[in-house]
Amino acid sequence: MKILWRISALFIAVFVIEGPVRAADTPSIITLTQTGCQFVESENGINHMFHTTKSEDCHDINKRTGAQRLKKSKVYRLKPGKYIFRVTNKNVPYPLGFWLRGRGLGRITLPSVSGGGLNKGVTKDYRISLRSGEYFYSCPLNPTINYRLIVEG
């Protein structure tokens, strides 16, 4: 009985001191919605309703509006850790993708994730473990501006 009591006391002490088991390995989810030439959440929820029928349309749109939109765009600030970027092609009539990579020299030293196959109405998850640094993300197939993401902590 003494041994059982000691084991129980030890378990309670560890649980109280260390706290409950945390889901440290559970990734946080960042949801991104693509419409023509943009990620809606990255532009503070504003859907510019750009009309595109092919990716080349975005080159002209970004040339005219990209710099101004980038100044107003949201910069995600995250802690290092595991993430899922859940990306949806809401209504773009051609296949899209996603590319997250380090900025500057970070392009060589920081983790990266990319992929395509996002047809109209399709959602895909892109998993990555982010380290401290500055990143860009975009869609090269639906040419968007290079949105910023900063990981610190």
N, C-alpha and C. Protein backbone atom coordinates (compact mmCIF):
# COMPACT_ATOMS: atom_id res chain seq x y z
N MET A 1 0.83 -1.19 0.00
CA MET A 1 0.00 0.00 0.00
C MET A 1 0.88 1.25 0.00
N LYS A 2 2.01 1.21 0.80
CA LYS A 2 2.91 2.36 0.83
C LYS A 2 3.50 2.64 -0.55
N ILE A 3 3.84 1.58 -1.28
CA ILE A 3 4.43 1.76 -2.61
C ILE A 3 3.40 2.40 -3.54
N LEU A 4 2.18 1.95 -3.51
CA LEU A 4 1.13 2.52 -4.35
C LEU A 4 0.90 3.98 -4.00
N TRP A 5 0.92 4.29 -2.70
CA TRP A 5 0.74 5.68 -2.28
C TRP A 5 1.89 6.56 -2.79
N ARG A 6 3.13 6.06 -2.69
CA ARG A 6 4.30 6.82 -3.15
C ARG A 6 4.25 7.05 -4.65
N ILE A 7 3.86 6.02 -5.41
CA ILE A 7 3.74 6.18 -6.86
C ILE A 7 2.67 7.22 -7.18
N SER A 8 1.54 7.15 -6.49
CA SER A 8 0.47 8.12 -6.70
C SER A 8 0.93 9.53 -6.34
N ALA A 9 1.64 9.66 -5.22
CA ALA A 9 2.14 10.97 -4.80
C ALA A 9 3.14 11.51 -5.81
N LEU A 10 4.00 10.65 -6.32
CA LEU A 10 4.98 11.06 -7.32
C LEU A 10 4.28 11.53 -8.59
N PHE A 11 3.26 10.78 -9.04
CA PHE A 11 2.51 11.16 -10.24
C PHE A 11 1.84 12.51 -10.03
N ILE A 12 1.22 12.71 -8.89
CA ILE A 12 0.55 13.98 -8.61
C ILE A 12 1.56 15.12 -8.56
N ALA A 13 2.72 14.89 -7.93
CA ALA A 13 3.75 15.93 -7.85
C ALA A 13 4.25 16.29 -9.25
N VAL A 14 4.49 15.31 -10.09
CA VAL A 14 4.97 15.58 -11.45
C VAL A 14 3.89 16.33 -12.22
N PHE A 15 2.64 15.90 -12.12
CA PHE A 15 1.55 16.54 -12.85
C PHE A 15 1.38 17.98 -12.41
N VAL A 16 1.45 18.24 -11.10
CA VAL A 16 1.26 19.60 -10.59
C VAL A 16 2.45 20.48 -10.95
N ILE A 17 3.66 19.96 -10.82
CA ILE A 17 4.84 20.76 -11.10
C ILE A 17 5.01 20.97 -12.60
N GLU A 18 4.90 19.90 -13.37
CA GLU A 18 5.13 19.99 -14.80
C GLU A 18 3.89 20.45 -15.56
N GLY A 19 2.72 20.26 -14.99
CA GLY A 19 1.49 20.61 -15.67
C GLY A 19 1.00 19.47 -16.54
N PRO A 20 -0.18 19.63 -17.11
CA PRO A 20 -0.72 18.57 -17.95
C PRO A 20 0.13 18.42 -19.21
N VAL A 21 0.01 17.27 -19.85
CA VAL A 21 0.74 17.04 -21.08
C VAL A 21 0.21 18.01 -22.13
N ARG A 22 1.12 18.79 -22.71
CA ARG A 22 0.72 19.76 -23.73
C ARG A 22 0.87 19.16 -25.11
N ALA A 23 0.08 19.63 -26.01
CA ALA A 23 0.16 19.17 -27.39
C ALA A 23 1.19 20.01 -28.13
N ALA A 24 2.44 19.95 -27.67
CA ALA A 24 3.51 20.76 -28.26
C ALA A 24 3.76 20.38 -29.71
N ASP A 25 3.45 19.14 -30.06
CA ASP A 25 3.68 18.70 -31.42
C ASP A 25 2.49 18.97 -32.34
N THR A 26 1.43 19.54 -31.78
CA THR A 26 0.26 19.86 -32.59
C THR A 26 0.50 21.17 -33.32
N PRO A 27 0.51 21.14 -34.66
CA PRO A 27 0.79 22.38 -35.40
C PRO A 27 -0.35 23.38 -35.31
N SER A 28 0.00 24.65 -35.36
CA SER A 28 -1.00 25.71 -35.47
C SER A 28 -1.38 25.84 -36.93
N ILE A 29 -2.63 26.18 -37.18
CA ILE A 29 -3.12 26.27 -38.56
C ILE A 29 -3.29 27.73 -38.95
N ILE A 30 -2.69 28.08 -40.09
CA ILE A 30 -2.85 29.41 -40.69
C ILE A 30 -3.68 29.20 -41.95
N THR A 31 -4.84 29.82 -42.01
CA THR A 31 -5.74 29.66 -43.15
C THR A 31 -5.54 30.79 -44.14
N LEU A 32 -5.32 30.44 -45.40
CA LEU A 32 -5.14 31.42 -46.46
C LEU A 32 -6.06 31.09 -47.63
N THR A 33 -6.74 32.11 -48.15
CA THR A 33 -7.66 31.95 -49.27
C THR A 33 -7.12 32.71 -50.47
N GLN A 34 -6.96 32.01 -51.59
CA GLN A 34 -6.51 32.67 -52.80
C GLN A 34 -7.69 33.01 -53.69
N THR A 35 -7.68 34.24 -54.16
CA THR A 35 -8.54 34.67 -55.24
C THR A 35 -7.58 35.22 -56.30
N GLY A 36 -8.07 35.77 -57.38
CA GLY A 36 -7.19 36.23 -58.45
C GLY A 36 -6.09 37.15 -57.95
N CYS A 37 -4.85 36.77 -58.09
CA CYS A 37 -3.64 37.57 -57.82
C CYS A 37 -3.42 37.93 -56.36
N GLN A 38 -4.09 37.29 -55.43
CA GLN A 38 -3.93 37.69 -54.03
C GLN A 38 -4.30 36.59 -53.05
N PHE A 39 -3.81 36.75 -51.81
CA PHE A 39 -4.27 36.00 -50.64
C PHE A 39 -5.14 36.97 -49.86
N VAL A 40 -6.39 36.65 -49.64
CA VAL A 40 -7.35 37.57 -49.02
C VAL A 40 -6.95 37.93 -47.59
N GLU A 41 -6.63 36.95 -46.76
CA GLU A 41 -6.29 37.23 -45.35
C GLU A 41 -5.04 38.10 -45.26
N SER A 42 -4.13 37.93 -46.18
CA SER A 42 -2.87 38.69 -46.17
C SER A 42 -3.09 40.16 -46.53
N GLU A 43 -4.22 40.43 -47.15
CA GLU A 43 -4.57 41.82 -47.47
C GLU A 43 -5.69 42.29 -46.55
N ASN A 44 -5.57 41.85 -45.29
CA ASN A 44 -6.48 42.26 -44.21
C ASN A 44 -7.94 41.96 -44.51
N GLY A 45 -8.18 40.83 -45.19
CA GLY A 45 -9.54 40.39 -45.47
C GLY A 45 -10.18 41.08 -46.66
N ILE A 46 -9.44 41.93 -47.34
CA ILE A 46 -10.00 42.65 -48.50
C ILE A 46 -9.82 41.79 -49.74
N ASN A 47 -10.95 41.43 -50.36
CA ASN A 47 -10.91 40.73 -51.63
C ASN A 47 -11.05 41.79 -52.72
N HIS A 48 -9.99 42.01 -53.47
CA HIS A 48 -9.99 43.06 -54.50
C HIS A 48 -10.81 42.68 -55.72
N MET A 49 -11.28 41.43 -55.78
CA MET A 49 -12.13 40.97 -56.88
C MET A 49 -11.46 41.17 -58.24
N PHE A 50 -10.14 40.92 -58.29
CA PHE A 50 -9.44 41.00 -59.57
C PHE A 50 -9.99 39.92 -60.49
N HIS A 51 -10.29 40.28 -61.72
CA HIS A 51 -10.78 39.31 -62.69
C HIS A 51 -9.60 38.74 -63.46
N THR A 52 -9.41 37.43 -63.35
CA THR A 52 -8.31 36.77 -64.06
C THR A 52 -8.83 35.53 -64.76
N THR A 53 -8.31 35.29 -65.93
CA THR A 53 -8.62 34.06 -66.65
C THR A 53 -7.37 33.22 -66.86
N LYS A 54 -6.21 33.87 -66.65
CA LYS A 54 -4.92 33.18 -66.79
C LYS A 54 -3.91 33.89 -65.89
N SER A 55 -2.85 33.21 -65.53
CA SER A 55 -1.88 33.76 -64.59
C SER A 55 -1.23 35.04 -65.10
N GLU A 56 -1.08 35.18 -66.41
CA GLU A 56 -0.46 36.39 -66.98
C GLU A 56 -1.22 37.66 -66.60
N ASP A 57 -2.52 37.55 -66.36
CA ASP A 57 -3.32 38.73 -65.96
C ASP A 57 -2.75 39.37 -64.69
N CYS A 58 -2.20 38.54 -63.81
CA CYS A 58 -1.69 39.04 -62.53
C CYS A 58 -0.43 39.90 -62.69
N HIS A 59 0.35 39.65 -63.70
CA HIS A 59 1.56 40.46 -63.91
C HIS A 59 1.18 41.93 -64.09
N ASP A 60 0.19 42.20 -64.91
CA ASP A 60 -0.26 43.58 -65.13
C ASP A 60 -0.92 44.15 -63.88
N ILE A 61 -1.77 43.36 -63.23
CA ILE A 61 -2.46 43.81 -62.01
C ILE A 61 -1.44 44.15 -60.93
N ASN A 62 -0.45 43.30 -60.74
CA ASN A 62 0.55 43.55 -59.70
C ASN A 62 1.45 44.73 -60.05
N LYS A 63 1.71 44.92 -61.32
CA LYS A 63 2.53 46.07 -61.75
C LYS A 63 1.81 47.38 -61.38
N ARG A 64 0.48 47.39 -61.55
CA ARG A 64 -0.30 48.60 -61.26
C ARG A 64 -0.61 48.78 -59.77
N THR A 65 -0.84 47.69 -59.04
CA THR A 65 -1.36 47.79 -57.68
C THR A 65 -0.48 47.16 -56.60
N GLY A 66 0.51 46.38 -57.00
CA GLY A 66 1.28 45.57 -56.04
C GLY A 66 1.98 46.36 -54.95
N ALA A 67 2.66 47.45 -55.31
CA ALA A 67 3.42 48.21 -54.31
C ALA A 67 2.49 48.79 -53.25
N GLN A 68 1.38 49.35 -53.67
CA GLN A 68 0.43 49.94 -52.71
C GLN A 68 -0.20 48.86 -51.83
N ARG A 69 -0.55 47.73 -52.42
CA ARG A 69 -1.15 46.63 -51.66
C ARG A 69 -0.15 46.08 -50.65
N LEU A 70 1.12 45.98 -51.05
CA LEU A 70 2.14 45.44 -50.15
C LEU A 70 2.30 46.33 -48.92
N LYS A 71 2.24 47.65 -49.08
CA LYS A 71 2.35 48.57 -47.95
C LYS A 71 1.25 48.35 -46.92
N LYS A 72 0.07 47.96 -47.40
CA LYS A 72 -1.09 47.79 -46.53
C LYS A 72 -1.29 46.34 -46.08
N SER A 73 -0.48 45.43 -46.59
CA SER A 73 -0.71 44.01 -46.31
C SER A 73 -0.32 43.64 -44.88
N LYS A 74 -0.94 42.59 -44.41
CA LYS A 74 -0.69 42.06 -43.07
C LYS A 74 0.65 41.34 -43.05
N VAL A 75 1.45 41.59 -42.01
CA VAL A 75 2.68 40.84 -41.79
C VAL A 75 2.39 39.86 -40.67
N TYR A 76 2.38 38.57 -40.98
CA TYR A 76 2.17 37.57 -39.94
C TYR A 76 3.39 37.55 -39.03
N ARG A 77 3.15 37.53 -37.72
CA ARG A 77 4.21 37.42 -36.71
C ARG A 77 3.91 36.17 -35.89
N LEU A 78 4.80 35.21 -36.02
CA LEU A 78 4.59 33.90 -35.40
C LEU A 78 5.76 33.53 -34.51
N LYS A 79 5.54 32.59 -33.63
CA LYS A 79 6.59 32.01 -32.79
C LYS A 79 7.19 30.82 -33.54
N PRO A 80 8.43 30.48 -33.26
CA PRO A 80 8.99 29.27 -33.87
C PRO A 80 8.13 28.06 -33.51
N GLY A 81 8.00 27.14 -34.43
CA GLY A 81 7.22 25.94 -34.15
C GLY A 81 6.63 25.34 -35.40
N LYS A 82 5.74 24.38 -35.18
CA LYS A 82 5.12 23.64 -36.28
C LYS A 82 3.84 24.34 -36.72
N TYR A 83 3.69 24.42 -38.03
CA TYR A 83 2.52 25.09 -38.61
C TYR A 83 1.99 24.30 -39.80
N ILE A 84 0.71 24.48 -40.04
CA ILE A 84 0.07 24.03 -41.27
C ILE A 84 -0.48 25.28 -41.92
N PHE A 85 -0.06 25.52 -43.15
CA PHE A 85 -0.65 26.60 -43.94
C PHE A 85 -1.71 25.94 -44.80
N ARG A 86 -2.97 26.22 -44.48
CA ARG A 86 -4.13 25.62 -45.16
C ARG A 86 -4.57 26.62 -46.23
N VAL A 87 -4.30 26.27 -47.48
CA VAL A 87 -4.50 27.19 -48.60
C VAL A 87 -5.64 26.70 -49.48
N THR A 88 -6.56 27.61 -49.81
CA THR A 88 -7.71 27.30 -50.65
C THR A 88 -7.72 28.16 -51.90
N ASN A 89 -7.98 27.53 -53.04
CA ASN A 89 -8.25 28.25 -54.28
C ASN A 89 -9.76 28.47 -54.29
N LYS A 90 -10.17 29.68 -53.95
CA LYS A 90 -11.61 29.96 -53.82
C LYS A 90 -12.31 29.98 -55.18
N ASN A 91 -11.77 30.74 -56.12
CA ASN A 91 -12.50 30.91 -57.37
C ASN A 91 -11.62 31.19 -58.59
N VAL A 92 -10.36 30.85 -58.52
CA VAL A 92 -9.45 31.11 -59.63
C VAL A 92 -9.56 29.94 -60.62
N PRO A 93 -9.81 30.23 -61.92
CA PRO A 93 -10.10 29.16 -62.88
C PRO A 93 -8.90 28.37 -63.38
N TYR A 94 -7.72 28.61 -62.84
CA TYR A 94 -6.54 27.85 -63.25
C TYR A 94 -5.83 27.34 -62.00
N PRO A 95 -5.00 26.29 -62.11
CA PRO A 95 -4.35 25.70 -60.94
C PRO A 95 -3.39 26.67 -60.25
N LEU A 96 -3.41 26.62 -58.92
CA LEU A 96 -2.56 27.49 -58.10
C LEU A 96 -1.61 26.65 -57.26
N GLY A 97 -0.77 27.35 -56.50
CA GLY A 97 0.16 26.70 -55.60
C GLY A 97 0.44 27.59 -54.40
N PHE A 98 1.49 27.23 -53.67
CA PHE A 98 1.90 27.98 -52.48
C PHE A 98 3.39 27.79 -52.33
N TRP A 99 4.09 28.88 -51.93
CA TRP A 99 5.53 28.80 -51.71
C TRP A 99 5.90 29.70 -50.56
N LEU A 100 6.43 29.11 -49.48
CA LEU A 100 6.91 29.85 -48.31
C LEU A 100 8.40 29.58 -48.21
N ARG A 101 9.20 30.66 -48.15
CA ARG A 101 10.65 30.52 -48.11
C ARG A 101 11.27 31.66 -47.33
N GLY A 102 12.52 31.47 -46.91
CA GLY A 102 13.25 32.51 -46.20
C GLY A 102 13.51 33.71 -47.10
N ARG A 103 13.64 34.86 -46.46
CA ARG A 103 13.94 36.10 -47.19
C ARG A 103 15.46 36.33 -47.18
N GLY A 104 15.99 36.85 -48.26
CA GLY A 104 17.42 37.14 -48.34
C GLY A 104 18.24 35.89 -48.18
N LEU A 105 19.29 35.96 -47.32
CA LEU A 105 20.12 34.78 -47.07
C LEU A 105 19.33 33.66 -46.43
N GLY A 106 18.22 34.03 -45.78
CA GLY A 106 17.36 33.03 -45.18
C GLY A 106 16.80 32.04 -46.18
N ARG A 107 16.81 32.43 -47.46
CA ARG A 107 16.33 31.52 -48.49
C ARG A 107 17.18 30.26 -48.53
N ILE A 108 18.44 30.39 -48.13
CA ILE A 108 19.35 29.25 -48.11
C ILE A 108 19.28 28.52 -46.76
N THR A 109 19.12 29.28 -45.67
CA THR A 109 19.26 28.71 -44.32
C THR A 109 17.95 28.36 -43.63
N LEU A 110 16.85 28.94 -44.05
CA LEU A 110 15.57 28.71 -43.38
C LEU A 110 14.76 27.64 -44.13
N PRO A 111 13.84 26.98 -43.41
CA PRO A 111 13.02 25.96 -44.06
C PRO A 111 12.10 26.57 -45.12
N SER A 112 11.67 25.73 -46.04
CA SER A 112 10.82 26.14 -47.14
C SER A 112 9.77 25.06 -47.39
N VAL A 113 8.63 25.46 -47.92
CA VAL A 113 7.60 24.50 -48.31
C VAL A 113 6.93 25.05 -49.56
N SER A 114 6.59 24.15 -50.48
CA SER A 114 5.90 24.59 -51.69
C SER A 114 5.12 23.43 -52.28
N GLY A 115 4.23 23.78 -53.18
CA GLY A 115 3.46 22.75 -53.89
C GLY A 115 2.40 23.39 -54.74
N GLY A 116 1.84 22.61 -55.62
CA GLY A 116 0.82 23.09 -56.54
C GLY A 116 -0.41 22.21 -56.49
N GLY A 117 -1.14 22.18 -57.60
CA GLY A 117 -2.31 21.33 -57.69
C GLY A 117 -3.56 21.86 -57.03
N LEU A 118 -3.57 23.17 -56.75
CA LEU A 118 -4.76 23.78 -56.12
C LEU A 118 -5.73 24.23 -57.21
N ASN A 119 -6.57 23.31 -57.66
CA ASN A 119 -7.59 23.67 -58.63
C ASN A 119 -8.72 24.43 -57.94
N LYS A 120 -9.58 25.05 -58.71
CA LYS A 120 -10.69 25.83 -58.18
C LYS A 120 -11.48 25.01 -57.16
N GLY A 121 -11.65 25.58 -55.95
CA GLY A 121 -12.40 24.92 -54.88
C GLY A 121 -11.60 23.96 -54.03
N VAL A 122 -10.33 23.73 -54.35
CA VAL A 122 -9.50 22.75 -53.63
C VAL A 122 -8.74 23.44 -52.50
N THR A 123 -8.60 22.72 -51.38
CA THR A 123 -7.81 23.18 -50.24
C THR A 123 -6.71 22.16 -50.00
N LYS A 124 -5.49 22.65 -49.75
CA LYS A 124 -4.36 21.77 -49.43
C LYS A 124 -3.65 22.30 -48.20
N ASP A 125 -3.04 21.38 -47.45
CA ASP A 125 -2.24 21.71 -46.28
C ASP A 125 -0.76 21.63 -46.62
N TYR A 126 -0.02 22.64 -46.17
CA TYR A 126 1.43 22.69 -46.35
C TYR A 126 2.04 22.75 -44.95
N ARG A 127 2.73 21.68 -44.55
CA ARG A 127 3.30 21.57 -43.20
C ARG A 127 4.74 22.05 -43.20
N ILE A 128 5.08 22.78 -42.11
CA ILE A 128 6.44 23.29 -41.99
C ILE A 128 6.76 23.57 -40.53
N SER A 129 8.00 23.37 -40.13
CA SER A 129 8.50 23.79 -38.82
C SER A 129 9.30 25.06 -39.04
N LEU A 130 8.78 26.16 -38.54
CA LEU A 130 9.42 27.46 -38.76
C LEU A 130 10.42 27.77 -37.66
N ARG A 131 11.57 28.31 -38.07
CA ARG A 131 12.60 28.80 -37.15
C ARG A 131 12.60 30.32 -37.22
N SER A 132 13.21 30.94 -36.25
CA SER A 132 13.29 32.40 -36.21
C SER A 132 13.90 32.93 -37.50
N GLY A 133 13.29 33.98 -38.01
CA GLY A 133 13.78 34.61 -39.23
C GLY A 133 12.66 35.30 -39.98
N GLU A 134 13.01 35.84 -41.12
CA GLU A 134 12.03 36.54 -41.95
C GLU A 134 11.78 35.72 -43.21
N TYR A 135 10.52 35.61 -43.58
CA TYR A 135 10.09 34.78 -44.69
C TYR A 135 9.23 35.60 -45.67
N PHE A 136 9.11 35.07 -46.88
CA PHE A 136 8.13 35.51 -47.88
C PHE A 136 7.24 34.32 -48.17
N TYR A 137 6.00 34.61 -48.57
CA TYR A 137 5.16 33.57 -49.14
C TYR A 137 4.37 34.18 -50.29
N SER A 138 4.06 33.33 -51.26
CA SER A 138 3.37 33.79 -52.46
C SER A 138 2.83 32.59 -53.21
N CYS A 139 2.22 32.87 -54.35
CA CYS A 139 1.82 31.84 -55.29
C CYS A 139 2.43 32.19 -56.64
N PRO A 140 3.43 31.45 -57.07
CA PRO A 140 4.04 31.72 -58.37
C PRO A 140 3.11 31.42 -59.55
N LEU A 141 2.09 30.57 -59.37
CA LEU A 141 1.20 30.19 -60.46
C LEU A 141 0.03 31.17 -60.62
N ASN A 142 -0.24 31.94 -59.61
CA ASN A 142 -1.28 32.97 -59.59
C ASN A 142 -0.55 34.22 -59.13
N PRO A 143 0.42 34.66 -59.89
CA PRO A 143 1.43 35.54 -59.33
C PRO A 143 0.88 36.59 -58.36
N THR A 144 1.20 36.35 -57.09
CA THR A 144 0.81 37.29 -56.04
C THR A 144 2.04 38.11 -55.67
N ILE A 145 1.82 39.13 -54.87
CA ILE A 145 2.96 39.85 -54.31
C ILE A 145 3.63 38.94 -53.29
N ASN A 146 4.84 39.28 -52.89
CA ASN A 146 5.56 38.52 -51.86
C ASN A 146 5.14 39.06 -50.49
N TYR A 147 4.26 38.33 -49.83
CA TYR A 147 3.80 38.71 -48.50
C TYR A 147 4.87 38.34 -47.48
N ARG A 148 4.95 39.11 -46.38
CA ARG A 148 5.97 38.89 -45.35
C ARG A 148 5.43 38.12 -44.17
N LEU A 149 6.33 37.35 -43.57
CA LEU A 149 6.03 36.59 -42.37
C LEU A 149 7.30 36.64 -41.51
N ILE A 150 7.15 36.99 -40.24
CA ILE A 150 8.30 37.10 -39.34
C ILE A 150 8.11 36.10 -38.20
N VAL A 151 9.15 35.31 -37.96
CA VAL A 151 9.12 34.32 -36.86
C VAL A 151 10.16 34.77 -35.84
N GLU A 152 9.69 34.99 -34.61
CA GLU A 152 10.60 35.41 -33.54
C GLU A 152 10.09 34.90 -32.21
N GLY A 153 11.00 34.71 -31.32
CA GLY A 153 10.59 34.28 -29.99
C GLY A 153 11.48 33.23 -29.42
